[in-house]
Amino acid sequence: MESPEPARRTALSVPAVRRLVTQWQAALARRPSAADLLPHLANGLLLELPGRTVRGTDEFQGHFEEFRAWYRGRAGGFGFLGARPAEEVRIQLVSPIHAEVTITRAGSAAPQQETTRQIWRVVLQGGVPRIRGIAFVQHPPVVALTRP
């Protein structure tokens, strides 16, 4: 017996968006194929990453190959993109079909490590919450000033 398809929504909710964040982190931890990530991603995807911008996953416009090539090149890990737990996840519903998610991670417990922040744009597409964009921002380490 097949599992039932998730209920189609007419509006986003904070629990539904939080579930998307959790599912994305779990998917990246498994290191699936690029095609297996597509159900989490919306049409018009824009990933603003350090040193690279990846646009779309649409096969008909040639974007899927760009996404797949970028993803394949990330064999070293996805900690920066969400494969490790976040310190803080803030979700703001912007409209019935749009949400903004801010995810903050510190490099380590030491203040000398960089802090990373992701700003996600989530959209309700086909009745399912999907990631439309992720902007990745690194903040330099905090340096303590000492008096001589």
N, C-alpha and C. Protein backbone atom coordinates (compact mmCIF):
# COMPACT_ATOMS: atom_id res chain seq x y z
N MET A 1 0.84 -1.18 0.00
CA MET A 1 0.00 0.00 0.00
C MET A 1 0.88 1.24 0.00
N GLU A 2 0.60 2.18 -0.89
CA GLU A 2 1.39 3.41 -0.98
C GLU A 2 1.01 4.36 0.13
N SER A 3 2.03 5.14 0.56
CA SER A 3 1.73 6.13 1.58
C SER A 3 0.95 7.27 0.94
N PRO A 4 0.03 7.85 1.68
CA PRO A 4 -0.77 8.93 1.11
C PRO A 4 0.09 10.15 0.82
N GLU A 5 -0.28 10.88 -0.21
CA GLU A 5 0.42 12.11 -0.58
C GLU A 5 0.14 13.15 0.49
N PRO A 6 1.14 14.00 0.82
CA PRO A 6 0.89 15.03 1.82
C PRO A 6 -0.27 15.93 1.40
N ALA A 7 -1.00 16.40 2.39
CA ALA A 7 -2.14 17.26 2.12
C ALA A 7 -1.67 18.53 1.42
N ARG A 8 -2.42 18.96 0.42
CA ARG A 8 -2.12 20.21 -0.28
C ARG A 8 -2.61 21.36 0.57
N ARG A 9 -1.78 22.36 0.72
CA ARG A 9 -2.11 23.51 1.55
C ARG A 9 -2.55 24.68 0.67
N THR A 10 -3.28 25.60 1.29
CA THR A 10 -3.63 26.84 0.60
C THR A 10 -2.88 28.01 1.21
N ALA A 11 -2.23 27.79 2.34
CA ALA A 11 -1.42 28.82 2.99
C ALA A 11 -0.29 28.15 3.77
N LEU A 12 0.83 28.84 3.85
CA LEU A 12 1.96 28.34 4.64
C LEU A 12 1.67 28.48 6.12
N SER A 13 2.31 27.64 6.91
CA SER A 13 2.25 27.76 8.36
C SER A 13 3.67 27.60 8.89
N VAL A 14 3.92 28.11 10.07
CA VAL A 14 5.25 27.98 10.67
C VAL A 14 5.64 26.51 10.83
N PRO A 15 4.76 25.63 11.33
CA PRO A 15 5.16 24.21 11.44
C PRO A 15 5.49 23.57 10.07
N ALA A 16 4.76 23.94 9.03
CA ALA A 16 5.05 23.38 7.70
C ALA A 16 6.41 23.84 7.19
N VAL A 17 6.75 25.10 7.42
CA VAL A 17 8.04 25.63 6.99
C VAL A 17 9.16 25.00 7.82
N ARG A 18 8.95 24.85 9.12
CA ARG A 18 9.94 24.20 9.98
C ARG A 18 10.19 22.76 9.54
N ARG A 19 9.12 22.08 9.13
CA ARG A 19 9.25 20.70 8.62
C ARG A 19 10.12 20.69 7.35
N LEU A 20 9.95 21.67 6.47
CA LEU A 20 10.77 21.77 5.27
C LEU A 20 12.24 21.93 5.65
N VAL A 21 12.54 22.78 6.62
CA VAL A 21 13.92 22.98 7.07
C VAL A 21 14.50 21.65 7.57
N THR A 22 13.75 20.95 8.40
CA THR A 22 14.20 19.66 8.94
C THR A 22 14.41 18.63 7.84
N GLN A 23 13.48 18.57 6.89
CA GLN A 23 13.59 17.61 5.78
C GLN A 23 14.80 17.93 4.91
N TRP A 24 15.06 19.21 4.66
CA TRP A 24 16.21 19.63 3.85
C TRP A 24 17.52 19.22 4.54
N GLN A 25 17.62 19.48 5.84
CA GLN A 25 18.82 19.11 6.58
C GLN A 25 19.03 17.60 6.55
N ALA A 26 17.95 16.84 6.74
CA ALA A 26 18.06 15.38 6.72
C ALA A 26 18.45 14.88 5.33
N ALA A 27 17.89 15.49 4.30
CA ALA A 27 18.22 15.08 2.93
C ALA A 27 19.69 15.33 2.63
N LEU A 28 20.21 16.50 3.00
CA LEU A 28 21.62 16.80 2.74
C LEU A 28 22.55 15.88 3.53
N ALA A 29 22.14 15.51 4.73
CA ALA A 29 22.96 14.61 5.54
C ALA A 29 23.09 13.23 4.87
N ARG A 30 22.08 12.84 4.10
CA ARG A 30 22.12 11.54 3.38
C ARG A 30 22.93 11.63 2.09
N ARG A 31 23.23 12.86 1.64
CA ARG A 31 23.95 13.11 0.39
C ARG A 31 23.30 12.40 -0.80
N PRO A 32 22.05 12.73 -1.06
CA PRO A 32 21.34 12.09 -2.18
C PRO A 32 21.81 12.67 -3.52
N SER A 33 21.25 12.14 -4.58
CA SER A 33 21.54 12.70 -5.90
C SER A 33 20.86 14.07 -6.00
N ALA A 34 21.32 14.88 -6.94
CA ALA A 34 20.71 16.20 -7.14
C ALA A 34 19.23 16.07 -7.45
N ALA A 35 18.86 15.06 -8.23
CA ALA A 35 17.45 14.87 -8.59
C ALA A 35 16.59 14.60 -7.36
N ASP A 36 17.17 13.96 -6.34
CA ASP A 36 16.40 13.66 -5.13
C ASP A 36 16.13 14.90 -4.28
N LEU A 37 16.86 15.98 -4.54
CA LEU A 37 16.62 17.23 -3.81
C LEU A 37 15.51 18.07 -4.44
N LEU A 38 15.19 17.80 -5.68
CA LEU A 38 14.23 18.63 -6.41
C LEU A 38 12.88 18.81 -5.72
N PRO A 39 12.32 17.79 -5.05
CA PRO A 39 11.02 18.01 -4.41
C PRO A 39 11.03 19.11 -3.34
N HIS A 40 12.21 19.47 -2.84
CA HIS A 40 12.31 20.53 -1.83
C HIS A 40 12.46 21.91 -2.45
N LEU A 41 12.69 21.97 -3.75
CA LEU A 41 13.05 23.22 -4.42
C LEU A 41 11.94 23.72 -5.33
N ALA A 42 11.78 25.03 -5.37
CA ALA A 42 10.72 25.66 -6.17
C ALA A 42 11.25 26.06 -7.54
N ASN A 43 10.33 26.23 -8.48
CA ASN A 43 10.69 26.84 -9.76
C ASN A 43 11.24 28.23 -9.47
N GLY A 44 12.22 28.66 -10.25
CA GLY A 44 12.80 29.97 -10.05
C GLY A 44 13.84 29.99 -8.94
N LEU A 45 14.40 28.84 -8.60
CA LEU A 45 15.39 28.74 -7.53
C LEU A 45 16.57 29.68 -7.77
N LEU A 46 17.03 30.31 -6.69
CA LEU A 46 18.23 31.14 -6.74
C LEU A 46 19.04 30.85 -5.48
N LEU A 47 20.23 30.24 -5.66
CA LEU A 47 21.15 29.99 -4.55
C LEU A 47 22.29 30.99 -4.66
N GLU A 48 22.40 31.87 -3.67
CA GLU A 48 23.48 32.86 -3.64
C GLU A 48 24.52 32.35 -2.66
N LEU A 49 25.57 31.73 -3.22
CA LEU A 49 26.57 31.03 -2.43
C LEU A 49 27.90 31.76 -2.48
N PRO A 50 28.82 31.42 -1.59
CA PRO A 50 30.14 32.06 -1.64
C PRO A 50 30.81 31.79 -2.99
N GLY A 51 31.05 32.83 -3.75
CA GLY A 51 31.75 32.69 -5.02
C GLY A 51 30.94 32.15 -6.17
N ARG A 52 29.64 31.94 -5.98
CA ARG A 52 28.85 31.35 -7.06
C ARG A 52 27.37 31.61 -6.85
N THR A 53 26.68 31.83 -7.94
CA THR A 53 25.22 31.91 -7.92
C THR A 53 24.70 30.80 -8.81
N VAL A 54 23.78 30.01 -8.28
CA VAL A 54 23.17 28.92 -9.05
C VAL A 54 21.72 29.28 -9.25
N ARG A 55 21.28 29.24 -10.50
CA ARG A 55 19.91 29.63 -10.83
C ARG A 55 19.13 28.43 -11.31
N GLY A 56 17.97 28.24 -10.72
CA GLY A 56 16.99 27.30 -11.22
C GLY A 56 17.35 25.84 -11.21
N THR A 57 16.32 25.04 -11.36
CA THR A 57 16.46 23.59 -11.49
C THR A 57 15.68 23.11 -12.71
N ASP A 58 15.20 24.05 -13.52
CA ASP A 58 14.33 23.72 -14.65
C ASP A 58 15.13 23.06 -15.78
N GLU A 59 14.82 21.80 -16.07
CA GLU A 59 15.50 21.07 -17.13
C GLU A 59 15.29 21.72 -18.49
N PHE A 60 14.13 22.29 -18.72
CA PHE A 60 13.79 22.83 -20.04
C PHE A 60 14.57 24.10 -20.36
N GLN A 61 15.07 24.78 -19.35
CA GLN A 61 15.88 25.97 -19.59
C GLN A 61 17.36 25.69 -19.36
N GLY A 62 17.73 24.44 -19.18
CA GLY A 62 19.12 24.07 -18.99
C GLY A 62 19.66 24.32 -17.60
N HIS A 63 18.80 24.74 -16.67
CA HIS A 63 19.26 25.06 -15.32
C HIS A 63 19.57 23.81 -14.50
N PHE A 64 18.90 22.70 -14.77
CA PHE A 64 19.14 21.53 -13.94
C PHE A 64 20.59 21.06 -14.05
N GLU A 65 21.16 21.15 -15.24
CA GLU A 65 22.55 20.75 -15.41
C GLU A 65 23.48 21.64 -14.58
N GLU A 66 23.17 22.94 -14.52
CA GLU A 66 23.98 23.85 -13.70
C GLU A 66 23.86 23.46 -12.23
N PHE A 67 22.64 23.20 -11.78
CA PHE A 67 22.43 22.80 -10.39
C PHE A 67 23.13 21.48 -10.11
N ARG A 68 22.98 20.51 -10.98
CA ARG A 68 23.59 19.19 -10.77
C ARG A 68 25.13 19.30 -10.75
N ALA A 69 25.71 20.08 -11.66
CA ALA A 69 27.16 20.24 -11.70
C ALA A 69 27.67 20.90 -10.41
N TRP A 70 26.96 21.94 -9.95
CA TRP A 70 27.35 22.57 -8.70
C TRP A 70 27.25 21.58 -7.55
N TYR A 71 26.15 20.87 -7.48
CA TYR A 71 25.91 19.93 -6.39
C TYR A 71 26.98 18.83 -6.39
N ARG A 72 27.29 18.29 -7.54
CA ARG A 72 28.31 17.25 -7.66
C ARG A 72 29.66 17.76 -7.15
N GLY A 73 29.97 19.01 -7.40
CA GLY A 73 31.22 19.59 -6.97
C GLY A 73 31.32 19.83 -5.47
N ARG A 74 30.23 19.65 -4.76
CA ARG A 74 30.19 19.87 -3.31
C ARG A 74 30.43 18.58 -2.55
N ALA A 75 31.14 17.63 -3.12
CA ALA A 75 31.38 16.34 -2.46
C ALA A 75 32.04 16.50 -1.10
N GLY A 76 32.72 17.62 -0.87
CA GLY A 76 33.40 17.84 0.40
C GLY A 76 32.45 18.08 1.56
N GLY A 77 31.22 18.37 1.29
CA GLY A 77 30.28 18.55 2.39
C GLY A 77 29.31 19.69 2.16
N PHE A 78 28.28 19.67 2.96
CA PHE A 78 27.20 20.65 2.84
C PHE A 78 26.89 21.32 4.16
N GLY A 79 27.84 21.31 5.09
CA GLY A 79 27.58 21.93 6.38
C GLY A 79 27.08 23.35 6.23
N PHE A 80 27.66 24.09 5.28
CA PHE A 80 27.28 25.48 5.09
C PHE A 80 25.87 25.62 4.53
N LEU A 81 25.36 24.59 3.86
CA LEU A 81 24.06 24.69 3.22
C LEU A 81 22.95 24.08 4.06
N GLY A 82 23.29 23.43 5.15
CA GLY A 82 22.22 22.97 6.02
C GLY A 82 22.32 21.55 6.49
N ALA A 83 23.42 20.85 6.24
CA ALA A 83 23.51 19.45 6.64
C ALA A 83 23.81 19.28 8.12
N ARG A 84 24.22 20.33 8.80
CA ARG A 84 24.43 20.21 10.23
C ARG A 84 23.40 21.08 10.96
N PRO A 85 23.08 20.74 12.19
CA PRO A 85 22.02 21.45 12.91
C PRO A 85 22.31 22.94 13.06
N ALA A 86 21.25 23.70 13.07
CA ALA A 86 21.35 25.15 13.21
C ALA A 86 21.31 25.53 14.68
N GLU A 87 21.94 26.65 15.01
CA GLU A 87 21.84 27.18 16.36
C GLU A 87 20.52 27.90 16.54
N GLU A 88 20.09 28.56 15.46
CA GLU A 88 18.85 29.34 15.54
C GLU A 88 18.14 29.28 14.20
N VAL A 89 16.84 29.04 14.24
CA VAL A 89 16.00 29.07 13.04
C VAL A 89 14.84 30.00 13.35
N ARG A 90 14.75 31.09 12.56
CA ARG A 90 13.63 32.02 12.71
C ARG A 90 12.80 31.98 11.44
N ILE A 91 11.49 31.88 11.62
CA ILE A 91 10.56 31.80 10.49
C ILE A 91 9.58 32.95 10.59
N GLN A 92 9.47 33.68 9.48
CA GLN A 92 8.50 34.78 9.43
C GLN A 92 7.61 34.55 8.22
N LEU A 93 6.31 34.46 8.45
CA LEU A 93 5.36 34.35 7.35
C LEU A 93 5.16 35.75 6.78
N VAL A 94 5.49 35.91 5.51
CA VAL A 94 5.43 37.21 4.86
C VAL A 94 4.08 37.43 4.20
N SER A 95 3.49 36.35 3.69
CA SER A 95 2.16 36.38 3.08
C SER A 95 1.61 34.96 3.22
N PRO A 96 0.40 34.71 2.79
CA PRO A 96 -0.12 33.34 2.90
C PRO A 96 0.70 32.30 2.12
N ILE A 97 1.45 32.75 1.11
CA ILE A 97 2.22 31.78 0.32
C ILE A 97 3.73 32.03 0.34
N HIS A 98 4.20 32.97 1.14
CA HIS A 98 5.63 33.28 1.22
C HIS A 98 6.10 33.32 2.68
N ALA A 99 7.32 32.81 2.89
CA ALA A 99 7.93 32.89 4.21
C ALA A 99 9.40 33.20 4.04
N GLU A 100 9.98 33.81 5.07
CA GLU A 100 11.41 34.02 5.11
C GLU A 100 11.95 33.27 6.32
N VAL A 101 13.02 32.52 6.10
CA VAL A 101 13.64 31.72 7.15
C VAL A 101 15.07 32.22 7.31
N THR A 102 15.47 32.48 8.54
CA THR A 102 16.84 32.85 8.82
C THR A 102 17.44 31.75 9.69
N ILE A 103 18.53 31.18 9.19
CA ILE A 103 19.20 30.08 9.89
C ILE A 103 20.61 30.57 10.24
N THR A 104 20.97 30.46 11.50
CA THR A 104 22.28 30.90 11.96
C THR A 104 23.05 29.72 12.51
N ARG A 105 24.34 29.65 12.12
CA ARG A 105 25.24 28.62 12.61
C ARG A 105 26.57 29.26 12.95
N ALA A 106 27.14 28.88 14.07
CA ALA A 106 28.50 29.32 14.40
C ALA A 106 29.45 28.24 13.94
N GLY A 107 30.66 28.64 13.54
CA GLY A 107 31.67 27.68 13.09
C GLY A 107 32.00 26.69 14.18
N SER A 108 32.08 27.13 15.40
CA SER A 108 32.31 26.28 16.57
C SER A 108 31.94 27.10 17.79
N ALA A 109 32.20 26.54 18.94
CA ALA A 109 31.90 27.27 20.17
C ALA A 109 32.86 28.43 20.39
N ALA A 110 34.00 28.40 19.73
CA ALA A 110 34.99 29.46 19.90
C ALA A 110 34.55 30.72 19.16
N PRO A 111 34.66 31.88 19.78
CA PRO A 111 34.24 33.12 19.12
C PRO A 111 35.11 33.49 17.92
N GLN A 112 36.28 32.86 17.78
CA GLN A 112 37.16 33.17 16.66
C GLN A 112 36.69 32.52 15.36
N GLN A 113 35.68 31.70 15.40
CA GLN A 113 35.18 31.04 14.20
C GLN A 113 34.12 31.89 13.52
N GLU A 114 34.04 31.75 12.18
CA GLU A 114 33.04 32.49 11.42
C GLU A 114 31.63 32.02 11.76
N THR A 115 30.72 32.96 11.72
CA THR A 115 29.30 32.64 11.86
C THR A 115 28.69 32.71 10.48
N THR A 116 27.85 31.74 10.16
CA THR A 116 27.18 31.76 8.87
C THR A 116 25.69 31.97 9.09
N ARG A 117 25.11 32.65 8.13
CA ARG A 117 23.66 32.87 8.18
C ARG A 117 23.12 32.59 6.79
N GLN A 118 22.01 31.88 6.76
CA GLN A 118 21.29 31.65 5.52
C GLN A 118 19.96 32.36 5.61
N ILE A 119 19.58 32.97 4.51
CA ILE A 119 18.26 33.57 4.44
C ILE A 119 17.54 32.84 3.31
N TRP A 120 16.52 32.12 3.69
CA TRP A 120 15.73 31.34 2.73
C TRP A 120 14.49 32.11 2.36
N ARG A 121 14.10 31.98 1.11
CA ARG A 121 12.78 32.42 0.66
C ARG A 121 12.01 31.14 0.35
N VAL A 122 10.92 30.96 1.05
CA VAL A 122 10.09 29.76 0.90
C VAL A 122 8.78 30.18 0.27
N VAL A 123 8.29 29.36 -0.63
CA VAL A 123 7.04 29.65 -1.32
C VAL A 123 6.16 28.40 -1.29
N LEU A 124 4.88 28.60 -1.26
CA LEU A 124 3.93 27.51 -1.38
C LEU A 124 3.73 27.26 -2.87
N GLN A 125 4.15 26.11 -3.35
CA GLN A 125 4.07 25.79 -4.78
C GLN A 125 3.43 24.43 -4.93
N GLY A 126 2.33 24.37 -5.66
CA GLY A 126 1.62 23.10 -5.81
C GLY A 126 1.09 22.59 -4.49
N GLY A 127 0.79 23.51 -3.56
CA GLY A 127 0.26 23.14 -2.25
C GLY A 127 1.31 22.63 -1.28
N VAL A 128 2.61 22.74 -1.64
CA VAL A 128 3.69 22.22 -0.81
C VAL A 128 4.73 23.33 -0.58
N PRO A 129 5.22 23.50 0.66
CA PRO A 129 6.28 24.48 0.87
C PRO A 129 7.57 24.04 0.17
N ARG A 130 8.20 24.98 -0.55
CA ARG A 130 9.44 24.67 -1.27
C ARG A 130 10.40 25.86 -1.13
N ILE A 131 11.68 25.56 -1.26
CA ILE A 131 12.72 26.58 -1.17
C ILE A 131 12.83 27.28 -2.52
N ARG A 132 12.61 28.58 -2.53
CA ARG A 132 12.77 29.36 -3.77
C ARG A 132 14.15 30.00 -3.82
N GLY A 133 14.72 30.31 -2.66
CA GLY A 133 16.04 30.93 -2.67
C GLY A 133 16.76 30.74 -1.35
N ILE A 134 18.08 30.67 -1.44
CA ILE A 134 18.92 30.65 -0.26
C ILE A 134 20.07 31.63 -0.51
N ALA A 135 20.18 32.62 0.36
CA ALA A 135 21.32 33.53 0.31
C ALA A 135 22.21 33.16 1.48
N PHE A 136 23.47 32.96 1.21
CA PHE A 136 24.44 32.53 2.19
C PHE A 136 25.32 33.71 2.57
N VAL A 137 25.40 34.02 3.85
CA VAL A 137 26.18 35.16 4.33
C VAL A 137 27.14 34.67 5.41
N GLN A 138 28.42 34.99 5.26
CA GLN A 138 29.40 34.66 6.29
C GLN A 138 29.78 35.93 7.01
N HIS A 139 29.83 35.84 8.32
CA HIS A 139 30.26 36.97 9.14
C HIS A 139 31.65 36.62 9.66
N PRO A 140 32.57 37.56 9.57
CA PRO A 140 33.93 37.27 10.04
C PRO A 140 33.94 36.95 11.53
N PRO A 141 34.98 36.26 11.97
CA PRO A 141 35.07 35.93 13.40
C PRO A 141 35.12 37.17 14.26
N VAL A 142 34.65 37.03 15.46
CA VAL A 142 34.71 38.11 16.42
C VAL A 142 36.12 38.14 16.99
N VAL A 143 36.72 39.29 16.97
CA VAL A 143 38.08 39.42 17.50
C VAL A 143 38.00 40.27 18.77
N ALA A 144 38.48 39.73 19.85
CA ALA A 144 38.48 40.47 21.10
C ALA A 144 39.65 41.43 21.13
N LEU A 145 39.35 42.65 21.45
CA LEU A 145 40.40 43.65 21.59
C LEU A 145 40.90 43.65 23.03
N THR A 146 42.20 43.63 23.17
CA THR A 146 42.77 43.67 24.52
C THR A 146 43.60 44.92 24.67
N ARG A 147 43.68 45.39 25.86
CA ARG A 147 44.49 46.57 26.15
C ARG A 147 45.93 46.14 26.37
N PRO A 148 46.89 46.93 25.89
CA PRO A 148 48.31 46.57 26.09
C PRO A 148 48.72 46.67 27.54
